[in-house]
Amino acid sequence: ALETLKMFEKKDSRVKSAAATNLSFLYYLGNELEQATNYADLAVNSDRYNPAALTNKGNTVFANGDYEKAAEFYKEALRNDSLCTEALYNLGLAYKKVNRINEALDCFLKLHAILPNSAQVLYQLASIYQIMEDPNQAIEWLLQLISVVPTDPHILSKLGNLYDTEGDKSQAFHYYCESYRYFPSNIEVIEWLGAYYID
């Protein structure tokens, strides 16, 4: 894939930008951040209005820990294409990293309107409501999430934990049991169930 894409580097700017965008993404997936950054820069310089190139550039900046600067690239990508879901999702993550929780929530609610059954978006919404210390909303989003991915032991144990925190032992027991059924090696779940049976 890398060799094929490199053949397009010498073409006109739009083709070059598309090839460089894909090369940047491949290097990013391979955790070669320096190369990913180089190709992200090439893609953006070749076509400043390419939302995928701007998103990739934002990703390389995000990976280096500069979340505010990454957010600027994601916002620019969204100005060029308001339906660029990758940029919107990553903008939400960047806001979450810098503790701009309301803005992160706004991003993920917009995404939920576009992608109502996205497990990642539902998870982020639940996570944000947990950060906001609103367990009832977090539970609501997690219940929607398990309707999409009913066998995820991590989500089931998270639901058990939230119900336990709210004092609903029977619901907590139900979700911890479900989590244990799909992943019987989670020590925290085993400890909770053991303590429940002792009680």
N, C-alpha and C. Protein backbone atom coordinates (compact mmCIF):
# COMPACT_ATOMS: atom_id res chain seq x y z
N ALA A 1 0.84 -1.20 0.00
CA ALA A 1 0.00 0.00 0.00
C ALA A 1 0.88 1.26 0.00
N LEU A 2 1.94 1.22 0.83
CA LEU A 2 2.84 2.38 0.89
C LEU A 2 3.49 2.63 -0.47
N GLU A 3 3.97 1.56 -1.10
CA GLU A 3 4.64 1.70 -2.40
C GLU A 3 3.68 2.26 -3.45
N THR A 4 2.46 1.76 -3.45
CA THR A 4 1.46 2.22 -4.43
C THR A 4 1.16 3.70 -4.22
N LEU A 5 0.96 4.09 -2.96
CA LEU A 5 0.63 5.48 -2.68
C LEU A 5 1.78 6.42 -3.00
N LYS A 6 3.01 5.96 -2.79
CA LYS A 6 4.16 6.81 -3.07
C LYS A 6 4.28 7.14 -4.56
N MET A 7 3.72 6.28 -5.42
CA MET A 7 3.74 6.54 -6.87
C MET A 7 2.92 7.79 -7.22
N PHE A 8 1.93 8.12 -6.37
CA PHE A 8 1.06 9.25 -6.66
C PHE A 8 1.59 10.58 -6.12
N GLU A 9 2.72 10.53 -5.40
CA GLU A 9 3.25 11.74 -4.76
C GLU A 9 3.61 12.84 -5.75
N LYS A 10 3.98 12.46 -6.97
CA LYS A 10 4.46 13.45 -7.92
C LYS A 10 3.35 13.97 -8.85
N LYS A 11 2.11 13.56 -8.59
CA LYS A 11 0.98 13.99 -9.42
C LYS A 11 0.54 15.41 -9.03
N ASP A 12 -0.62 15.83 -9.59
CA ASP A 12 -1.11 17.18 -9.28
C ASP A 12 -1.51 17.27 -7.80
N SER A 13 -1.74 18.49 -7.34
CA SER A 13 -1.86 18.73 -5.90
C SER A 13 -3.00 17.95 -5.24
N ARG A 14 -4.16 17.78 -5.91
CA ARG A 14 -5.29 17.08 -5.29
C ARG A 14 -4.97 15.59 -5.12
N VAL A 15 -4.38 14.98 -6.14
CA VAL A 15 -3.99 13.57 -6.07
C VAL A 15 -2.87 13.40 -5.05
N LYS A 16 -1.91 14.33 -5.08
CA LYS A 16 -0.80 14.28 -4.12
C LYS A 16 -1.34 14.38 -2.69
N SER A 17 -2.30 15.26 -2.48
CA SER A 17 -2.87 15.44 -1.15
C SER A 17 -3.57 14.17 -0.68
N ALA A 18 -4.33 13.54 -1.58
CA ALA A 18 -5.04 12.31 -1.22
C ALA A 18 -4.04 11.19 -0.89
N ALA A 19 -2.99 11.06 -1.71
CA ALA A 19 -1.97 10.03 -1.47
C ALA A 19 -1.24 10.29 -0.16
N ALA A 20 -0.86 11.55 0.06
CA ALA A 20 -0.14 11.90 1.28
C ALA A 20 -1.02 11.70 2.52
N THR A 21 -2.33 11.97 2.38
CA THR A 21 -3.27 11.76 3.48
C THR A 21 -3.29 10.29 3.87
N ASN A 22 -3.40 9.43 2.86
CA ASN A 22 -3.43 7.98 3.13
C ASN A 22 -2.10 7.48 3.69
N LEU A 23 -1.01 7.99 3.15
CA LEU A 23 0.31 7.61 3.67
C LEU A 23 0.46 8.04 5.13
N SER A 24 0.02 9.25 5.42
CA SER A 24 0.08 9.75 6.80
C SER A 24 -0.70 8.83 7.73
N PHE A 25 -1.89 8.45 7.28
CA PHE A 25 -2.74 7.59 8.12
C PHE A 25 -2.10 6.22 8.33
N LEU A 26 -1.52 5.66 7.27
CA LEU A 26 -0.86 4.35 7.40
C LEU A 26 0.32 4.42 8.38
N TYR A 27 1.12 5.47 8.27
CA TYR A 27 2.24 5.62 9.20
C TYR A 27 1.74 5.86 10.63
N TYR A 28 0.64 6.59 10.74
CA TYR A 28 0.04 6.84 12.07
C TYR A 28 -0.40 5.52 12.70
N LEU A 29 -1.05 4.68 11.89
CA LEU A 29 -1.48 3.36 12.38
C LEU A 29 -0.28 2.50 12.79
N GLY A 30 0.82 2.67 12.08
CA GLY A 30 2.04 1.93 12.39
C GLY A 30 2.85 2.57 13.51
N ASN A 31 2.31 3.63 14.10
CA ASN A 31 2.94 4.33 15.22
C ASN A 31 4.29 4.96 14.83
N GLU A 32 4.42 5.32 13.55
CA GLU A 32 5.61 6.03 13.08
C GLU A 32 5.22 7.50 12.95
N LEU A 33 5.23 8.20 14.09
CA LEU A 33 4.68 9.55 14.15
C LEU A 33 5.45 10.57 13.31
N GLU A 34 6.76 10.40 13.23
CA GLU A 34 7.55 11.37 12.46
C GLU A 34 7.16 11.33 10.99
N GLN A 35 7.09 10.10 10.44
CA GLN A 35 6.68 9.95 9.03
C GLN A 35 5.23 10.40 8.84
N ALA A 36 4.37 10.04 9.80
CA ALA A 36 2.96 10.44 9.72
C ALA A 36 2.84 11.96 9.68
N THR A 37 3.64 12.63 10.50
CA THR A 37 3.62 14.10 10.55
C THR A 37 4.11 14.69 9.23
N ASN A 38 5.19 14.12 8.68
CA ASN A 38 5.73 14.62 7.40
C ASN A 38 4.69 14.54 6.29
N TYR A 39 4.02 13.38 6.18
CA TYR A 39 3.02 13.22 5.13
C TYR A 39 1.76 14.04 5.40
N ALA A 40 1.41 14.22 6.69
CA ALA A 40 0.27 15.07 7.03
C ALA A 40 0.54 16.50 6.59
N ASP A 41 1.79 16.97 6.81
CA ASP A 41 2.16 18.32 6.38
C ASP A 41 2.10 18.45 4.86
N LEU A 42 2.61 17.42 4.17
CA LEU A 42 2.58 17.43 2.70
C LEU A 42 1.14 17.47 2.19
N ALA A 43 0.26 16.68 2.82
CA ALA A 43 -1.14 16.62 2.40
C ALA A 43 -1.82 17.97 2.59
N VAL A 44 -1.59 18.60 3.74
CA VAL A 44 -2.22 19.90 4.03
C VAL A 44 -1.66 20.97 3.10
N ASN A 45 -0.35 20.96 2.86
CA ASN A 45 0.25 21.95 1.97
C ASN A 45 -0.22 21.79 0.53
N SER A 46 -0.51 20.55 0.12
CA SER A 46 -0.97 20.30 -1.25
C SER A 46 -2.42 20.72 -1.44
N ASP A 47 -3.24 20.56 -0.38
CA ASP A 47 -4.66 20.93 -0.47
C ASP A 47 -5.16 21.33 0.91
N ARG A 48 -5.17 22.63 1.17
CA ARG A 48 -5.52 23.15 2.50
C ARG A 48 -6.99 22.91 2.84
N TYR A 49 -7.81 22.54 1.84
CA TYR A 49 -9.24 22.35 2.07
C TYR A 49 -9.63 20.87 2.17
N ASN A 50 -8.64 20.00 2.30
CA ASN A 50 -8.89 18.56 2.41
C ASN A 50 -9.15 18.22 3.88
N PRO A 51 -10.42 17.92 4.25
CA PRO A 51 -10.72 17.67 5.67
C PRO A 51 -10.00 16.44 6.24
N ALA A 52 -9.78 15.42 5.40
CA ALA A 52 -9.07 14.23 5.87
C ALA A 52 -7.61 14.56 6.19
N ALA A 53 -7.00 15.40 5.36
CA ALA A 53 -5.60 15.80 5.60
C ALA A 53 -5.50 16.60 6.89
N LEU A 54 -6.45 17.51 7.10
CA LEU A 54 -6.45 18.32 8.32
C LEU A 54 -6.68 17.46 9.56
N THR A 55 -7.55 16.47 9.42
CA THR A 55 -7.82 15.55 10.54
C THR A 55 -6.57 14.75 10.87
N ASN A 56 -5.89 14.24 9.84
CA ASN A 56 -4.64 13.50 10.07
C ASN A 56 -3.60 14.38 10.74
N LYS A 57 -3.49 15.61 10.29
CA LYS A 57 -2.54 16.55 10.90
C LYS A 57 -2.90 16.75 12.37
N GLY A 58 -4.19 16.92 12.63
CA GLY A 58 -4.64 17.03 14.01
C GLY A 58 -4.29 15.80 14.84
N ASN A 59 -4.42 14.62 14.22
CA ASN A 59 -4.10 13.38 14.93
C ASN A 59 -2.63 13.30 15.32
N THR A 60 -1.76 13.75 14.41
CA THR A 60 -0.32 13.68 14.73
C THR A 60 0.01 14.66 15.85
N VAL A 61 -0.63 15.83 15.84
CA VAL A 61 -0.42 16.82 16.90
C VAL A 61 -1.00 16.30 18.22
N PHE A 62 -2.17 15.67 18.14
CA PHE A 62 -2.82 15.07 19.32
C PHE A 62 -1.91 14.01 19.94
N ALA A 63 -1.32 13.17 19.09
CA ALA A 63 -0.44 12.09 19.58
C ALA A 63 0.79 12.65 20.29
N ASN A 64 1.18 13.88 19.92
CA ASN A 64 2.32 14.52 20.60
C ASN A 64 1.90 15.31 21.83
N GLY A 65 0.61 15.26 22.17
CA GLY A 65 0.13 15.85 23.42
C GLY A 65 -0.29 17.30 23.36
N ASP A 66 -0.32 17.90 22.16
CA ASP A 66 -0.75 19.29 22.04
C ASP A 66 -2.23 19.30 21.64
N TYR A 67 -3.11 19.13 22.63
CA TYR A 67 -4.53 18.93 22.36
C TYR A 67 -5.23 20.19 21.85
N GLU A 68 -4.80 21.36 22.34
CA GLU A 68 -5.40 22.61 21.89
C GLU A 68 -5.12 22.85 20.41
N LYS A 69 -3.86 22.60 19.99
CA LYS A 69 -3.49 22.79 18.59
C LYS A 69 -4.20 21.75 17.71
N ALA A 70 -4.31 20.52 18.23
CA ALA A 70 -5.03 19.48 17.49
C ALA A 70 -6.48 19.91 17.26
N ALA A 71 -7.09 20.49 18.30
CA ALA A 71 -8.48 20.95 18.18
C ALA A 71 -8.62 21.98 17.07
N GLU A 72 -7.61 22.83 16.89
CA GLU A 72 -7.67 23.84 15.82
C GLU A 72 -7.71 23.17 14.44
N PHE A 73 -6.90 22.12 14.26
CA PHE A 73 -6.92 21.40 12.97
C PHE A 73 -8.27 20.72 12.75
N TYR A 74 -8.83 20.12 13.81
CA TYR A 74 -10.14 19.45 13.67
C TYR A 74 -11.23 20.48 13.33
N LYS A 75 -11.16 21.66 13.96
CA LYS A 75 -12.16 22.70 13.67
C LYS A 75 -12.03 23.18 12.23
N GLU A 76 -10.79 23.29 11.75
CA GLU A 76 -10.59 23.71 10.36
C GLU A 76 -11.13 22.65 9.40
N ALA A 77 -10.93 21.37 9.74
CA ALA A 77 -11.48 20.29 8.91
C ALA A 77 -13.00 20.40 8.87
N LEU A 78 -13.62 20.70 10.02
CA LEU A 78 -15.08 20.82 10.08
C LEU A 78 -15.59 22.05 9.33
N ARG A 79 -14.79 23.12 9.28
CA ARG A 79 -15.18 24.29 8.49
C ARG A 79 -15.23 23.93 7.00
N ASN A 80 -14.35 23.02 6.58
CA ASN A 80 -14.32 22.60 5.17
C ASN A 80 -15.36 21.53 4.86
N ASP A 81 -15.71 20.72 5.87
CA ASP A 81 -16.73 19.69 5.69
C ASP A 81 -17.40 19.45 7.04
N SER A 82 -18.59 20.04 7.21
CA SER A 82 -19.27 19.98 8.51
C SER A 82 -19.70 18.56 8.89
N LEU A 83 -19.68 17.63 7.93
CA LEU A 83 -20.06 16.25 8.22
C LEU A 83 -18.85 15.32 8.35
N CYS A 84 -17.68 15.88 8.56
CA CYS A 84 -16.47 15.06 8.74
C CYS A 84 -16.51 14.46 10.16
N THR A 85 -17.06 13.25 10.26
CA THR A 85 -17.30 12.65 11.58
C THR A 85 -16.01 12.36 12.33
N GLU A 86 -14.94 12.02 11.61
CA GLU A 86 -13.66 11.74 12.27
C GLU A 86 -13.15 13.00 12.99
N ALA A 87 -13.25 14.14 12.30
CA ALA A 87 -12.79 15.39 12.90
C ALA A 87 -13.65 15.75 14.11
N LEU A 88 -14.96 15.56 13.99
CA LEU A 88 -15.87 15.89 15.10
C LEU A 88 -15.60 14.99 16.31
N TYR A 89 -15.41 13.70 16.06
CA TYR A 89 -15.12 12.76 17.16
C TYR A 89 -13.80 13.13 17.85
N ASN A 90 -12.77 13.37 17.04
CA ASN A 90 -11.46 13.70 17.60
C ASN A 90 -11.46 15.06 18.29
N LEU A 91 -12.27 15.98 17.80
CA LEU A 91 -12.41 17.28 18.47
C LEU A 91 -13.01 17.07 19.87
N GLY A 92 -14.00 16.19 19.95
CA GLY A 92 -14.58 15.85 21.25
C GLY A 92 -13.54 15.26 22.19
N LEU A 93 -12.69 14.37 21.66
CA LEU A 93 -11.63 13.78 22.49
C LEU A 93 -10.62 14.84 22.95
N ALA A 94 -10.28 15.76 22.04
CA ALA A 94 -9.32 16.82 22.39
C ALA A 94 -9.90 17.70 23.49
N TYR A 95 -11.18 18.08 23.36
CA TYR A 95 -11.82 18.89 24.40
C TYR A 95 -11.86 18.13 25.73
N LYS A 96 -12.10 16.84 25.65
CA LYS A 96 -12.14 16.01 26.87
C LYS A 96 -10.77 16.00 27.55
N LYS A 97 -9.71 15.94 26.75
CA LYS A 97 -8.34 15.91 27.29
C LYS A 97 -7.99 17.20 28.02
N VAL A 98 -8.50 18.34 27.51
CA VAL A 98 -8.18 19.63 28.15
C VAL A 98 -9.28 20.07 29.11
N ASN A 99 -10.16 19.13 29.46
CA ASN A 99 -11.20 19.34 30.47
C ASN A 99 -12.23 20.40 30.08
N ARG A 100 -12.47 20.53 28.77
CA ARG A 100 -13.56 21.40 28.29
C ARG A 100 -14.76 20.49 28.05
N ILE A 101 -15.34 20.04 29.16
CA ILE A 101 -16.31 18.94 29.13
C ILE A 101 -17.59 19.32 28.39
N ASN A 102 -18.10 20.52 28.59
CA ASN A 102 -19.35 20.91 27.91
C ASN A 102 -19.17 20.94 26.40
N GLU A 103 -18.00 21.41 25.94
CA GLU A 103 -17.75 21.44 24.50
C GLU A 103 -17.58 20.01 23.95
N ALA A 104 -16.94 19.15 24.74
CA ALA A 104 -16.81 17.74 24.34
C ALA A 104 -18.19 17.11 24.23
N LEU A 105 -19.05 17.37 25.22
CA LEU A 105 -20.41 16.84 25.20
C LEU A 105 -21.15 17.30 23.96
N ASP A 106 -21.01 18.57 23.62
CA ASP A 106 -21.66 19.12 22.43
C ASP A 106 -21.22 18.37 21.17
N CYS A 107 -19.91 18.10 21.05
CA CYS A 107 -19.39 17.35 19.89
C CYS A 107 -20.02 15.97 19.80
N PHE A 108 -20.05 15.26 20.92
CA PHE A 108 -20.55 13.88 20.89
C PHE A 108 -22.07 13.82 20.71
N LEU A 109 -22.79 14.82 21.20
CA LEU A 109 -24.24 14.87 20.95
C LEU A 109 -24.52 15.11 19.47
N LYS A 110 -23.72 16.00 18.83
CA LYS A 110 -23.87 16.23 17.39
C LYS A 110 -23.57 14.93 16.62
N LEU A 111 -22.51 14.24 17.05
CA LEU A 111 -22.15 12.97 16.40
C LEU A 111 -23.25 11.94 16.56
N HIS A 112 -23.85 11.91 17.75
CA HIS A 112 -24.93 10.94 18.00
C HIS A 112 -26.10 11.18 17.05
N ALA A 113 -26.35 12.45 16.72
CA ALA A 113 -27.42 12.76 15.76
C ALA A 113 -27.08 12.23 14.37
N ILE A 114 -25.78 12.23 14.03
CA ILE A 114 -25.35 11.74 12.71
C ILE A 114 -25.21 10.22 12.71
N LEU A 115 -24.64 9.67 13.80
CA LEU A 115 -24.37 8.23 13.91
C LEU A 115 -25.04 7.68 15.17
N PRO A 116 -26.36 7.47 15.13
CA PRO A 116 -27.09 7.11 16.35
C PRO A 116 -26.70 5.76 16.96
N ASN A 117 -26.14 4.85 16.16
CA ASN A 117 -25.80 3.53 16.69
C ASN A 117 -24.30 3.30 16.82
N SER A 118 -23.52 4.38 16.87
CA SER A 118 -22.07 4.24 17.01
C SER A 118 -21.72 3.92 18.45
N ALA A 119 -21.13 2.74 18.65
CA ALA A 119 -20.75 2.31 20.01
C ALA A 119 -19.74 3.28 20.62
N GLN A 120 -18.79 3.76 19.82
CA GLN A 120 -17.77 4.67 20.34
C GLN A 120 -18.39 5.97 20.84
N VAL A 121 -19.35 6.49 20.09
CA VAL A 121 -20.00 7.75 20.47
C VAL A 121 -20.83 7.56 21.74
N LEU A 122 -21.58 6.47 21.81
CA LEU A 122 -22.39 6.18 23.00
C LEU A 122 -21.49 6.04 24.23
N TYR A 123 -20.35 5.37 24.05
CA TYR A 123 -19.42 5.21 25.17
C TYR A 123 -18.88 6.56 25.64
N GLN A 124 -18.52 7.42 24.70
CA GLN A 124 -17.98 8.74 25.07
C GLN A 124 -19.03 9.57 25.79
N LEU A 125 -20.29 9.49 25.36
CA LEU A 125 -21.35 10.23 26.03
C LEU A 125 -21.51 9.75 27.48
N ALA A 126 -21.50 8.43 27.67
CA ALA A 126 -21.61 7.88 29.02
C ALA A 126 -20.42 8.32 29.87
N SER A 127 -19.23 8.28 29.28
CA SER A 127 -18.01 8.67 29.99
C SER A 127 -18.07 10.14 30.42
N ILE A 128 -18.55 11.00 29.54
CA ILE A 128 -18.63 12.43 29.86
C ILE A 128 -19.62 12.68 30.99
N TYR A 129 -20.77 11.99 30.95
CA TYR A 129 -21.74 12.17 32.04
C TYR A 129 -21.18 11.64 33.37
N GLN A 130 -20.33 10.62 33.29
CA GLN A 130 -19.67 10.16 34.52
C GLN A 130 -18.73 11.25 35.05
N ILE A 131 -17.97 11.87 34.16
CA ILE A 131 -17.07 12.96 34.55
C ILE A 131 -17.87 14.10 35.17
N MET A 132 -19.06 14.36 34.60
CA MET A 132 -19.93 15.43 35.09
C MET A 132 -20.68 15.03 36.36
N GLU A 133 -20.41 13.81 36.83
CA GLU A 133 -21.04 13.27 38.04
C GLU A 133 -22.56 13.23 37.92
N ASP A 134 -23.02 12.74 36.77
CA ASP A 134 -24.45 12.53 36.52
C ASP A 134 -24.65 11.04 36.20
N PRO A 135 -24.67 10.18 37.26
CA PRO A 135 -24.72 8.74 37.02
C PRO A 135 -25.98 8.27 36.30
N ASN A 136 -27.10 8.97 36.50
CA ASN A 136 -28.34 8.53 35.83
C ASN A 136 -28.23 8.67 34.32
N GLN A 137 -27.66 9.81 33.86
CA GLN A 137 -27.45 9.98 32.42
C GLN A 137 -26.42 8.99 31.90
N ALA A 138 -25.36 8.76 32.68
CA ALA A 138 -24.33 7.79 32.27
C ALA A 138 -24.95 6.41 32.09
N ILE A 139 -25.81 6.02 33.02
CA ILE A 139 -26.49 4.71 32.93
C ILE A 139 -27.36 4.65 31.69
N GLU A 140 -28.10 5.74 31.42
CA GLU A 140 -28.97 5.76 30.23
C GLU A 140 -28.17 5.51 28.94
N TRP A 141 -27.02 6.19 28.83
CA TRP A 141 -26.20 6.02 27.61
C TRP A 141 -25.58 4.63 27.56
N LEU A 142 -25.18 4.09 28.71
CA LEU A 142 -24.61 2.74 28.72
C LEU A 142 -25.67 1.70 28.37
N LEU A 143 -26.91 1.91 28.80
CA LEU A 143 -27.98 0.98 28.42
C LEU A 143 -28.20 1.00 26.91
N GLN A 144 -28.13 2.20 26.31
CA GLN A 144 -28.20 2.27 24.85
C GLN A 144 -27.03 1.54 24.21
N LEU A 145 -25.86 1.70 24.83
CA LEU A 145 -24.65 1.08 24.30
C LEU A 145 -24.74 -0.44 24.32
N ILE A 146 -25.25 -1.02 25.42
CA ILE A 146 -25.32 -2.50 25.44
C ILE A 146 -26.41 -3.04 24.52
N SER A 147 -27.31 -2.17 24.06
CA SER A 147 -28.24 -2.64 23.03
C SER A 147 -27.52 -2.78 21.69
N VAL A 148 -26.40 -2.06 21.54
CA VAL A 148 -25.59 -2.14 20.31
C VAL A 148 -24.53 -3.23 20.44
N VAL A 149 -23.87 -3.30 21.60
CA VAL A 149 -22.84 -4.32 21.85
C VAL A 149 -23.18 -5.07 23.15
N PRO A 150 -24.11 -6.02 23.08
CA PRO A 150 -24.63 -6.64 24.31
C PRO A 150 -23.65 -7.55 25.04
N THR A 151 -22.54 -7.92 24.42
CA THR A 151 -21.63 -8.88 25.06
C THR A 151 -20.32 -8.27 25.50
N ASP A 152 -20.25 -6.95 25.63
CA ASP A 152 -19.00 -6.30 26.05
C ASP A 152 -18.88 -6.35 27.57
N PRO A 153 -17.95 -7.16 28.10
CA PRO A 153 -17.87 -7.32 29.56
C PRO A 153 -17.45 -6.04 30.29
N HIS A 154 -16.66 -5.20 29.62
CA HIS A 154 -16.21 -3.94 30.24
C HIS A 154 -17.41 -3.01 30.47
N ILE A 155 -18.27 -2.90 29.47
CA ILE A 155 -19.45 -2.03 29.59
C ILE A 155 -20.40 -2.60 30.64
N LEU A 156 -20.59 -3.91 30.65
CA LEU A 156 -21.47 -4.54 31.63
C LEU A 156 -20.98 -4.31 33.06
N SER A 157 -19.65 -4.42 33.26
CA SER A 157 -19.11 -4.19 34.62
C SER A 157 -19.21 -2.72 34.99
N LYS A 158 -19.07 -1.83 34.00
CA LYS A 158 -19.21 -0.38 34.26
C LYS A 158 -20.65 -0.08 34.70
N LEU A 159 -21.61 -0.71 34.05
CA LEU A 159 -23.01 -0.55 34.45
C LEU A 159 -23.22 -1.08 35.87
N GLY A 160 -22.64 -2.25 36.16
CA GLY A 160 -22.74 -2.81 37.51
C GLY A 160 -22.18 -1.84 38.54
N ASN A 161 -21.04 -1.25 38.21
CA ASN A 161 -20.41 -0.30 39.13
C ASN A 161 -21.28 0.93 39.37
N LEU A 162 -21.87 1.46 38.31
CA LEU A 162 -22.73 2.64 38.44
C LEU A 162 -23.96 2.34 39.28
N TYR A 163 -24.59 1.18 39.02
CA TYR A 163 -25.76 0.80 39.82
C TYR A 163 -25.37 0.60 41.28
N ASP A 164 -24.19 0.02 41.50
CA ASP A 164 -23.71 -0.19 42.87
C ASP A 164 -23.51 1.15 43.57
N THR A 165 -22.91 2.11 42.87
CA THR A 165 -22.69 3.45 43.42
C THR A 165 -24.02 4.12 43.77
N GLU A 166 -25.05 3.83 42.96
CA GLU A 166 -26.37 4.41 43.20
C GLU A 166 -27.16 3.65 44.27
N GLY A 167 -26.58 2.53 44.76
CA GLY A 167 -27.23 1.77 45.83
C GLY A 167 -28.21 0.72 45.35
N ASP A 168 -28.25 0.45 44.04
CA ASP A 168 -29.16 -0.56 43.49
C ASP A 168 -28.40 -1.88 43.34
N LYS A 169 -28.35 -2.65 44.44
CA LYS A 169 -27.53 -3.88 44.47
C LYS A 169 -28.05 -4.94 43.50
N SER A 170 -29.37 -5.04 43.34
CA SER A 170 -29.90 -6.11 42.48
C SER A 170 -29.53 -5.87 41.01
N GLN A 171 -29.62 -4.61 40.55
CA GLN A 171 -29.21 -4.31 39.17
C GLN A 171 -27.70 -4.45 39.03
N ALA A 172 -26.96 -4.01 40.05
CA ALA A 172 -25.49 -4.16 40.03
C ALA A 172 -25.13 -5.63 39.90
N PHE A 173 -25.79 -6.46 40.69
CA PHE A 173 -25.53 -7.91 40.65
C PHE A 173 -25.81 -8.47 39.26
N HIS A 174 -26.92 -8.06 38.67
CA HIS A 174 -27.28 -8.55 37.33
C HIS A 174 -26.18 -8.24 36.31
N TYR A 175 -25.71 -6.97 36.30
CA TYR A 175 -24.72 -6.58 35.28
C TYR A 175 -23.34 -7.15 35.58
N TYR A 176 -22.99 -7.27 36.85
CA TYR A 176 -21.71 -7.91 37.19
C TYR A 176 -21.74 -9.39 36.79
N CYS A 177 -22.88 -10.06 37.00
CA CYS A 177 -23.00 -11.47 36.58
C CYS A 177 -22.86 -11.61 35.08
N GLU A 178 -23.51 -10.71 34.34
CA GLU A 178 -23.41 -10.73 32.88
C GLU A 178 -21.97 -10.51 32.44
N SER A 179 -21.29 -9.57 33.07
CA SER A 179 -19.89 -9.29 32.75
C SER A 179 -19.04 -10.53 33.01
N TYR A 180 -19.28 -11.16 34.15
CA TYR A 180 -18.53 -12.37 34.53
C TYR A 180 -18.77 -13.50 33.52
N ARG A 181 -20.01 -13.58 33.03
CA ARG A 181 -20.36 -14.64 32.07
C ARG A 181 -19.52 -14.51 30.79
N TYR A 182 -19.29 -13.27 30.34
CA TYR A 182 -18.54 -13.07 29.10
C TYR A 182 -17.04 -13.00 29.31
N PHE A 183 -16.61 -12.63 30.52
CA PHE A 183 -15.18 -12.53 30.80
C PHE A 183 -14.92 -12.90 32.26
N PRO A 184 -14.78 -14.21 32.53
CA PRO A 184 -14.68 -14.67 33.92
C PRO A 184 -13.33 -14.41 34.59
N SER A 185 -12.43 -13.69 33.94
CA SER A 185 -11.09 -13.45 34.51
C SER A 185 -10.91 -12.06 35.08
N ASN A 186 -11.95 -11.24 35.09
CA ASN A 186 -11.83 -9.88 35.61
C ASN A 186 -11.87 -9.91 37.14
N ILE A 187 -10.71 -9.65 37.76
CA ILE A 187 -10.57 -9.77 39.21
C ILE A 187 -11.52 -8.83 39.95
N GLU A 188 -11.69 -7.60 39.46
CA GLU A 188 -12.58 -6.64 40.14
C GLU A 188 -14.01 -7.16 40.18
N VAL A 189 -14.46 -7.76 39.09
CA VAL A 189 -15.82 -8.31 39.04
C VAL A 189 -15.94 -9.49 40.00
N ILE A 190 -14.92 -10.36 40.00
CA ILE A 190 -14.93 -11.51 40.91
C ILE A 190 -14.97 -11.05 42.36
N GLU A 191 -14.17 -10.04 42.69
CA GLU A 191 -14.15 -9.51 44.07
C GLU A 191 -15.52 -8.96 44.45
N TRP A 192 -16.16 -8.20 43.54
CA TRP A 192 -17.46 -7.62 43.85
C TRP A 192 -18.48 -8.73 44.09
N LEU A 193 -18.50 -9.73 43.19
CA LEU A 193 -19.45 -10.83 43.34
C LEU A 193 -19.21 -11.60 44.63
N GLY A 194 -17.93 -11.84 44.95
CA GLY A 194 -17.59 -12.53 46.21
C GLY A 194 -18.12 -11.77 47.41
N ALA A 195 -17.90 -10.45 47.42
CA ALA A 195 -18.37 -9.62 48.54
C ALA A 195 -19.90 -9.62 48.61
N TYR A 196 -20.55 -9.62 47.42
CA TYR A 196 -22.02 -9.64 47.37
C TYR A 196 -22.55 -10.93 48.00
N TYR A 197 -21.94 -12.07 47.63
CA TYR A 197 -22.40 -13.35 48.19
C TYR A 197 -22.15 -13.43 49.69
N ILE A 198 -21.04 -12.86 50.17
CA ILE A 198 -20.75 -12.84 51.61
C ILE A 198 -21.85 -12.02 52.33
N ASP A 199 -22.19 -10.87 51.77
CA ASP A 199 -23.28 -10.04 52.35
C ASP A 199 -24.59 -10.80 52.39
